[in-house]
Amino acid sequence: MTLRDIVQRLALEVVVDGGGLDREVSGGFSGDLLSNVLAAARPGNLWITIQRHVNVVGVAQVAGLSGVLLAGGEAPAPAVVAKAEEMGIPILLAPDAAFELAGRLHRVLLPEET
């Protein structure tokens, strides 16, 4: 499933498309500790986090993630948006809590398991 499909099915706001809404999403990862994301997230995962600082963009790129989904509805700072655009990292936004988003993403990606 692509990021574009997920944006539509979960009614997410696209903050930065990063030229990558057609990227395939292989799964999801939810977490806020950057070192844990680097160690445990898999390439192609969509990362759900409440972190909104510029390091999120670098972590997403290094880990090979399909994009970043910011939970809680608070938009990132302009510097974060600029860095994501520069690095081609999609940033999505939703008002829901990370727990809710993880459940919704799971149901979309793995409907036979729910």
C-alpha atoms as a PDB file:
ATOM      1  CA  MET A   1       0.000   0.000   0.000  1.00  0.00           C
ATOM      2  CA  THR A   2       1.283   3.477  -0.786  1.00  0.00           C
ATOM      3  CA  LEU A   3       1.464   6.531   1.441  1.00  0.00           C
ATOM      4  CA  ARG A   4      -1.155   8.125  -0.808  1.00  0.00           C
ATOM      5  CA  ASP A   5      -3.556   5.233  -0.082  1.00  0.00           C
ATOM      6  CA  ILE A   6      -2.948   5.584   3.655  1.00  0.00           C
ATOM      7  CA  VAL A   7      -3.457   9.362   3.550  1.00  0.00           C
ATOM      8  CA  GLN A   8      -6.818   8.835   1.879  1.00  0.00           C
ATOM      9  CA  ARG A   9      -8.006   5.940   4.036  1.00  0.00           C
ATOM     10  CA  LEU A  10      -6.997   7.540   7.352  1.00  0.00           C
ATOM     11  CA  ALA A  11      -7.902  11.119   6.311  1.00  0.00           C
ATOM     12  CA  LEU A  12      -4.427  12.426   7.112  1.00  0.00           C
ATOM     13  CA  GLU A  13      -3.123  15.903   6.400  1.00  0.00           C
ATOM     14  CA  VAL A  14      -0.066  16.054   4.147  1.00  0.00           C
ATOM     15  CA  VAL A  15       2.368  18.604   5.573  1.00  0.00           C
ATOM     16  CA  VAL A  16       5.222  17.645   3.232  1.00  0.00           C
ATOM     17  CA  ASP A  17       4.746  15.228   0.378  1.00  0.00           C
ATOM     18  CA  GLY A  18       8.493  14.916  -0.109  1.00  0.00           C
ATOM     19  CA  GLY A  19       7.852  13.761  -3.648  1.00  0.00           C
ATOM     20  CA  GLY A  20       7.108  10.422  -2.097  1.00  0.00           C
ATOM     21  CA  LEU A  21       3.394   9.785  -1.618  1.00  0.00           C
ATOM     22  CA  ASP A  22       3.722   6.895  -4.051  1.00  0.00           C
ATOM     23  CA  ARG A  23       6.229   5.183  -1.744  1.00  0.00           C
ATOM     24  CA  GLU A  24       5.266   1.744  -0.575  1.00  0.00           C
ATOM     25  CA  VAL A  25       4.588   1.309   3.132  1.00  0.00           C
ATOM     26  CA  SER A  26       5.721  -2.073   4.442  1.00  0.00           C
ATOM     27  CA  GLY A  27       4.494  -1.612   8.007  1.00  0.00           C
ATOM     28  CA  GLY A  28       4.364   0.820  10.858  1.00  0.00           C
ATOM     29  CA  PHE A  29       6.506   1.803  13.789  1.00  0.00           C
ATOM     30  CA  SER A  30       5.403   3.884  16.759  1.00  0.00           C
ATOM     31  CA  GLY A  31       7.897   5.425  19.134  1.00  0.00           C
ATOM     32  CA  ASP A  32       9.435   8.650  20.324  1.00  0.00           C
ATOM     33  CA  LEU A  33      12.943   7.630  21.390  1.00  0.00           C
ATOM     34  CA  LEU A  34      15.081   8.368  18.328  1.00  0.00           C
ATOM     35  CA  SER A  35      17.713   5.745  19.132  1.00  0.00           C
ATOM     36  CA  ASN A  36      14.982   3.120  19.390  1.00  0.00           C
ATOM     37  CA  VAL A  37      13.589   4.116  16.007  1.00  0.00           C
ATOM     38  CA  LEU A  38      17.051   3.797  14.469  1.00  0.00           C
ATOM     39  CA  ALA A  39      17.533   0.391  16.080  1.00  0.00           C
ATOM     40  CA  ALA A  40      14.114  -1.170  15.571  1.00  0.00           C
ATOM     41  CA  ALA A  41      12.177   0.450  12.723  1.00  0.00           C
ATOM     42  CA  ARG A  42      12.447  -1.297   9.368  1.00  0.00           C
ATOM     43  CA  PRO A  43      12.973   0.379   6.017  1.00  0.00           C
ATOM     44  CA  GLY A  44       9.617   1.209   4.453  1.00  0.00           C
ATOM     45  CA  ASN A  45       7.827   1.621   7.781  1.00  0.00           C
ATOM     46  CA  LEU A  46       5.600   4.625   8.421  1.00  0.00           C
ATOM     47  CA  TRP A  47       6.797   6.139  11.705  1.00  0.00           C
ATOM     48  CA  ILE A  48       4.175   7.415  14.156  1.00  0.00           C
ATOM     49  CA  THR A  49       5.568   9.888  16.687  1.00  0.00           C
ATOM     50  CA  ILE A  50       4.808  12.950  18.781  1.00  0.00           C
ATOM     51  CA  GLN A  51       8.312  14.342  18.197  1.00  0.00           C
ATOM     52  CA  ARG A  52       8.327  17.461  16.038  1.00  0.00           C
ATOM     53  CA  HIS A  53      11.942  18.614  15.918  1.00  0.00           C
ATOM     54  CA  VAL A  54      14.299  18.602  12.956  1.00  0.00           C
ATOM     55  CA  ASN A  55      16.130  15.420  14.070  1.00  0.00           C
ATOM     56  CA  VAL A  56      13.002  13.423  13.187  1.00  0.00           C
ATOM     57  CA  VAL A  57      13.670  14.119   9.520  1.00  0.00           C
ATOM     58  CA  GLY A  58      17.258  12.863   9.729  1.00  0.00           C
ATOM     59  CA  VAL A  59      16.229   9.724  11.604  1.00  0.00           C
ATOM     60  CA  ALA A  60      13.545   8.961   8.999  1.00  0.00           C
ATOM     61  CA  GLN A  61      16.084   9.305   6.210  1.00  0.00           C
ATOM     62  CA  VAL A  62      18.810   7.238   7.877  1.00  0.00           C
ATOM     63  CA  ALA A  63      16.334   4.487   8.789  1.00  0.00           C
ATOM     64  CA  GLY A  64      14.884   4.429   5.255  1.00  0.00           C
ATOM     65  CA  LEU A  65      11.346   5.059   6.471  1.00  0.00           C
ATOM     66  CA  SER A  66       8.517   5.744   4.032  1.00  0.00           C
ATOM     67  CA  GLY A  67       7.456   8.800   6.014  1.00  0.00           C
ATOM     68  CA  VAL A  68       6.637  10.332   9.382  1.00  0.00           C
ATOM     69  CA  LEU A  69       3.117  10.541  10.815  1.00  0.00           C
ATOM     70  CA  LEU A  70       2.861  13.160  13.548  1.00  0.00           C
ATOM     71  CA  ALA A  71       0.250  12.332  16.172  1.00  0.00           C
ATOM     72  CA  GLY A  72      -1.648  14.830  18.281  1.00  0.00           C
ATOM     73  CA  GLY A  73      -2.474  17.394  15.610  1.00  0.00           C
ATOM     74  CA  GLU A  74       0.287  19.900  16.335  1.00  0.00           C
ATOM     75  CA  ALA A  75       2.076  20.978  13.158  1.00  0.00           C
ATOM     76  CA  PRO A  76       5.875  20.929  12.998  1.00  0.00           C
ATOM     77  CA  ALA A  77       7.938  24.125  12.992  1.00  0.00           C
ATOM     78  CA  PRO A  78       8.788  25.739   9.647  1.00  0.00           C
ATOM     79  CA  ALA A  79      12.425  24.604   9.987  1.00  0.00           C
ATOM     80  CA  VAL A  80      11.271  20.979  10.200  1.00  0.00           C
ATOM     81  CA  VAL A  81       9.058  21.398   7.139  1.00  0.00           C
ATOM     82  CA  ALA A  82      11.941  22.981   5.212  1.00  0.00           C
ATOM     83  CA  LYS A  83      14.327  20.153   6.164  1.00  0.00           C
ATOM     84  CA  ALA A  84      11.769  17.489   5.194  1.00  0.00           C
ATOM     85  CA  GLU A  85      11.246  19.172   1.826  1.00  0.00           C
ATOM     86  CA  GLU A  86      15.015  19.387   1.303  1.00  0.00           C
ATOM     87  CA  MET A  87      15.533  15.707   2.192  1.00  0.00           C
ATOM     88  CA  GLY A  88      12.392  14.411   0.465  1.00  0.00           C
ATOM     89  CA  ILE A  89      10.814  12.988   3.615  1.00  0.00           C
ATOM     90  CA  PRO A  90       6.996  12.919   3.649  1.00  0.00           C
ATOM     91  CA  ILE A  91       5.426  14.309   6.816  1.00  0.00           C
ATOM     92  CA  LEU A  92       1.799  13.557   7.608  1.00  0.00           C
ATOM     93  CA  LEU A  93      -0.339  14.915  10.430  1.00  0.00           C
ATOM     94  CA  ALA A  94      -3.362  13.669  12.350  1.00  0.00           C
ATOM     95  CA  PRO A  95      -5.190  14.932  15.440  1.00  0.00           C
ATOM     96  CA  ASP A  96      -5.390  11.438  16.939  1.00  0.00           C
ATOM     97  CA  ALA A  97      -3.163  10.040  19.672  1.00  0.00           C
ATOM     98  CA  ALA A  98      -0.331   7.720  18.603  1.00  0.00           C
ATOM     99  CA  PHE A  99      -2.134   4.705  20.093  1.00  0.00           C
ATOM    100  CA  GLU A 100      -5.236   5.355  17.986  1.00  0.00           C
ATOM    101  CA  LEU A 101      -3.189   5.962  14.842  1.00  0.00           C
ATOM    102  CA  ALA A 102      -1.239   2.750  15.334  1.00  0.00           C
ATOM    103  CA  GLY A 103      -4.473   0.776  15.558  1.00  0.00           C
ATOM    104  CA  ARG A 104      -5.963   2.453  12.503  1.00  0.00           C
ATOM    105  CA  LEU A 105      -2.770   1.938  10.490  1.00  0.00           C
ATOM    106  CA  HIS A 106      -2.627  -1.710  11.517  1.00  0.00           C
ATOM    107  CA  ARG A 107      -6.224  -2.262  10.360  1.00  0.00           C
ATOM    108  CA  VAL A 108      -5.448  -0.683   6.986  1.00  0.00           C
ATOM    109  CA  LEU A 109      -2.174  -2.537   6.383  1.00  0.00           C
ATOM    110  CA  LEU A 110      -3.202  -5.919   7.840  1.00  0.00           C
ATOM    111  CA  PRO A 111      -7.013  -6.140   7.631  1.00  0.00           C
ATOM    112  CA  GLU A 112      -7.058  -9.953   7.831  1.00  0.00           C
ATOM    113  CA  GLU A 113      -5.480  -9.833  11.302  1.00  0.00           C
ATOM    114  CA  THR A 114      -8.113  -7.577  12.877  1.00  0.00           C
END
